[in-house]
Amino acid sequence: MNWVILVIAGLFEVGFTSCLGKVKETTGNEMVYWFIGFFICLSISMVLLMKASQTLPIGTAYAVWTGIGAVGTVLMGVFVFNEPANFWRLLFISTLIISIVGLKVVSH
C-alpha cells in the first residue's frame, strides 16, 4: 500500500512542477490560481511522501518520488508545454525509469 501512496505522491510532484510552468506563462488572477495549485499539490505530495517513508527506506522512497516527478515533469513538458522529445532526452528518461523500477525490485 505504501508503494501506491508513494506513486501518488510522485504524481502530485508532477502537479506542482506543472503548476510552476503555468505560473510562468500567466498573469493576474490566473497566475494566482496556478500558484495556489502549486502549494496544494506541494503539500499533498510532501504529506504522502512522509507517510510512505514511514515503512519504506527513506533513500529508496525519495529516489522513487523524485524519479516519478522527473519523468512525469519531462512528459508534461513534451505533451503539454511543447518541449522537444529528441533521442537523447528520451534515452536518459528511459534509464531513469529503469533505475526506479530497479530500486523497487531490490527494496524489501
C-alpha atoms as a PDB file:
ATOM      1  CA  MET A   1       0.000   0.000   0.000  1.00  0.00           C
ATOM      2  CA  ASN A   2       2.844   2.415   0.769  1.00  0.00           C
ATOM      3  CA  TRP A   3       4.187   1.973  -2.766  1.00  0.00           C
ATOM      4  CA  VAL A   4       0.811   3.174  -4.082  1.00  0.00           C
ATOM      5  CA  ILE A   5       0.965   6.167  -1.722  1.00  0.00           C
ATOM      6  CA  LEU A   6       4.484   6.900  -2.964  1.00  0.00           C
ATOM      7  CA  VAL A   7       3.389   6.794  -6.609  1.00  0.00           C
ATOM      8  CA  ILE A   8       0.511   9.164  -5.846  1.00  0.00           C
ATOM      9  CA  ALA A   9       2.966  11.479  -4.050  1.00  0.00           C
ATOM     10  CA  GLY A  10       5.142  11.433  -7.168  1.00  0.00           C
ATOM     11  CA  LEU A  11       2.155  12.332  -9.334  1.00  0.00           C
ATOM     12  CA  PHE A  12       1.419  15.298  -7.086  1.00  0.00           C
ATOM     13  CA  GLU A  13       5.053  16.314  -7.567  1.00  0.00           C
ATOM     14  CA  VAL A  14       4.355  16.386 -11.295  1.00  0.00           C
ATOM     15  CA  GLY A  15       1.318  18.521 -10.443  1.00  0.00           C
ATOM     16  CA  PHE A  16       3.284  21.131  -8.539  1.00  0.00           C
ATOM     17  CA  THR A  17       6.036  21.390 -11.144  1.00  0.00           C
ATOM     18  CA  SER A  18       3.434  21.706 -13.893  1.00  0.00           C
ATOM     19  CA  CYS A  19       1.716  24.459 -11.938  1.00  0.00           C
ATOM     20  CA  LEU A  20       5.048  26.281 -11.806  1.00  0.00           C
ATOM     21  CA  GLY A  21       5.239  26.040 -15.588  1.00  0.00           C
ATOM     22  CA  LYS A  22       1.787  27.596 -15.888  1.00  0.00           C
ATOM     23  CA  VAL A  23       2.645  30.340 -13.364  1.00  0.00           C
ATOM     24  CA  LYS A  24       5.481  31.334 -15.682  1.00  0.00           C
ATOM     25  CA  GLU A  25       3.076  31.674 -18.624  1.00  0.00           C
ATOM     26  CA  THR A  26       0.214  33.583 -16.976  1.00  0.00           C
ATOM     27  CA  THR A  27      -0.516  36.867 -15.243  1.00  0.00           C
ATOM     28  CA  GLY A  28      -3.087  38.305 -12.868  1.00  0.00           C
ATOM     29  CA  ASN A  29      -5.702  36.118 -11.217  1.00  0.00           C
ATOM     30  CA  GLU A  30      -4.896  33.126 -13.411  1.00  0.00           C
ATOM     31  CA  MET A  31      -1.301  33.204 -12.145  1.00  0.00           C
ATOM     32  CA  VAL A  32      -2.545  33.325  -8.550  1.00  0.00           C
ATOM     33  CA  TYR A  33      -4.771  30.271  -9.147  1.00  0.00           C
ATOM     34  CA  TRP A  34      -1.861  28.280 -10.595  1.00  0.00           C
ATOM     35  CA  PHE A  35       0.286  29.361  -7.636  1.00  0.00           C
ATOM     36  CA  ILE A  36      -2.399  28.154  -5.205  1.00  0.00           C
ATOM     37  CA  GLY A  37      -2.498  24.863  -7.133  1.00  0.00           C
ATOM     38  CA  PHE A  38       1.275  24.678  -6.724  1.00  0.00           C
ATOM     39  CA  PHE A  39       1.029  24.955  -2.928  1.00  0.00           C
ATOM     40  CA  ILE A  40      -1.828  22.456  -2.707  1.00  0.00           C
ATOM     41  CA  CYS A  41       0.000  19.863  -4.816  1.00  0.00           C
ATOM     42  CA  LEU A  42       3.246  20.508  -2.939  1.00  0.00           C
ATOM     43  CA  SER A  43       1.569  19.993   0.422  1.00  0.00           C
ATOM     44  CA  ILE A  44      -0.204  16.804  -0.621  1.00  0.00           C
ATOM     45  CA  SER A  45       2.971  15.435  -2.190  1.00  0.00           C
ATOM     46  CA  MET A  46       5.046  16.066   0.931  1.00  0.00           C
ATOM     47  CA  VAL A  47       2.461  14.574   3.292  1.00  0.00           C
ATOM     48  CA  LEU A  48       2.158  11.439   1.153  1.00  0.00           C
ATOM     49  CA  LEU A  49       5.946  11.130   0.880  1.00  0.00           C
ATOM     50  CA  MET A  50       6.196  11.386   4.651  1.00  0.00           C
ATOM     51  CA  LYS A  51       3.522   8.702   5.051  1.00  0.00           C
ATOM     52  CA  ALA A  52       5.192   6.332   2.579  1.00  0.00           C
ATOM     53  CA  SER A  53       8.631   6.805   4.123  1.00  0.00           C
ATOM     54  CA  GLN A  54       7.379   5.576   7.494  1.00  0.00           C
ATOM     55  CA  THR A  55       7.656   1.976   6.260  1.00  0.00           C
ATOM     56  CA  LEU A  56       9.827   2.248   3.131  1.00  0.00           C
ATOM     57  CA  PRO A  57      13.560   3.006   3.265  1.00  0.00           C
ATOM     58  CA  ILE A  58      13.889   6.790   3.012  1.00  0.00           C
ATOM     59  CA  GLY A  59      16.622   6.622   0.372  1.00  0.00           C
ATOM     60  CA  THR A  60      14.514   4.420  -1.860  1.00  0.00           C
ATOM     61  CA  ALA A  61      11.303   6.369  -1.224  1.00  0.00           C
ATOM     62  CA  TYR A  62      12.960   9.691  -2.005  1.00  0.00           C
ATOM     63  CA  ALA A  63      14.663   8.367  -5.138  1.00  0.00           C
ATOM     64  CA  VAL A  64      11.420   6.875  -6.449  1.00  0.00           C
ATOM     65  CA  TRP A  65       9.466  10.029  -5.579  1.00  0.00           C
ATOM     66  CA  THR A  66      11.910  12.328  -7.360  1.00  0.00           C
ATOM     67  CA  GLY A  67      12.186   9.907 -10.269  1.00  0.00           C
ATOM     68  CA  ILE A  68       8.438   9.824 -10.802  1.00  0.00           C
ATOM     69  CA  GLY A  69       8.413  13.599 -10.564  1.00  0.00           C
ATOM     70  CA  ALA A  70      11.275  13.984 -13.033  1.00  0.00           C
ATOM     71  CA  VAL A  71       9.867  11.565 -15.586  1.00  0.00           C
ATOM     72  CA  GLY A  72       6.350  12.947 -15.225  1.00  0.00           C
ATOM     73  CA  THR A  73       7.547  16.532 -15.498  1.00  0.00           C
ATOM     74  CA  VAL A  74       9.505  15.766 -18.673  1.00  0.00           C
ATOM     75  CA  LEU A  75       6.461  14.048 -20.163  1.00  0.00           C
ATOM     76  CA  MET A  76       4.256  17.009 -19.202  1.00  0.00           C
ATOM     77  CA  GLY A  77       6.813  19.301 -20.827  1.00  0.00           C
ATOM     78  CA  VAL A  78       6.733  17.294 -24.045  1.00  0.00           C
ATOM     79  CA  PHE A  79       2.968  16.806 -24.250  1.00  0.00           C
ATOM     80  CA  VAL A  80       1.640  19.997 -22.642  1.00  0.00           C
ATOM     81  CA  PHE A  81       4.367  22.628 -22.949  1.00  0.00           C
ATOM     82  CA  ASN A  82       5.621  21.540 -26.412  1.00  0.00           C
ATOM     83  CA  GLU A  83       9.188  20.868 -25.301  1.00  0.00           C
ATOM     84  CA  PRO A  84      11.385  18.800 -27.655  1.00  0.00           C
ATOM     85  CA  ALA A  85      11.422  14.997 -27.433  1.00  0.00           C
ATOM     86  CA  ASN A  86      14.746  14.139 -29.064  1.00  0.00           C
ATOM     87  CA  PHE A  87      16.618  10.833 -28.920  1.00  0.00           C
ATOM     88  CA  TRP A  88      18.982  11.762 -26.080  1.00  0.00           C
ATOM     89  CA  ARG A  89      16.258  13.140 -23.872  1.00  0.00           C
ATOM     90  CA  LEU A  90      14.143  10.011 -24.295  1.00  0.00           C
ATOM     91  CA  LEU A  91      17.173   7.758 -23.758  1.00  0.00           C
ATOM     92  CA  PHE A  92      18.042   9.354 -20.428  1.00  0.00           C
ATOM     93  CA  ILE A  93      14.425   9.375 -19.256  1.00  0.00           C
ATOM     94  CA  SER A  94      14.296   5.654 -20.108  1.00  0.00           C
ATOM     95  CA  THR A  95      17.391   4.983 -17.994  1.00  0.00           C
ATOM     96  CA  LEU A  96      15.775   6.876 -15.140  1.00  0.00           C
ATOM     97  CA  ILE A  97      12.644   4.722 -15.393  1.00  0.00           C
ATOM     98  CA  ILE A  98      14.764   1.551 -15.405  1.00  0.00           C
ATOM     99  CA  SER A  99      16.568   2.794 -12.291  1.00  0.00           C
ATOM    100  CA  ILE A 100      13.290   3.500 -10.478  1.00  0.00           C
ATOM    101  CA  VAL A 101      11.978   0.021 -11.277  1.00  0.00           C
ATOM    102  CA  GLY A 102      15.319  -1.453 -10.161  1.00  0.00           C
ATOM    103  CA  LEU A 103      15.067   0.306  -6.792  1.00  0.00           C
ATOM    104  CA  LYS A 104      11.584  -1.091  -6.326  1.00  0.00           C
ATOM    105  CA  VAL A 105      12.768  -4.607  -7.173  1.00  0.00           C
ATOM    106  CA  VAL A 106      15.716  -4.605  -4.738  1.00  0.00           C
ATOM    107  CA  SER A 107      13.839  -2.953  -1.825  1.00  0.00           C
ATOM    108  CA  HIS A 108      12.305  -5.213   0.801  1.00  0.00           C
END
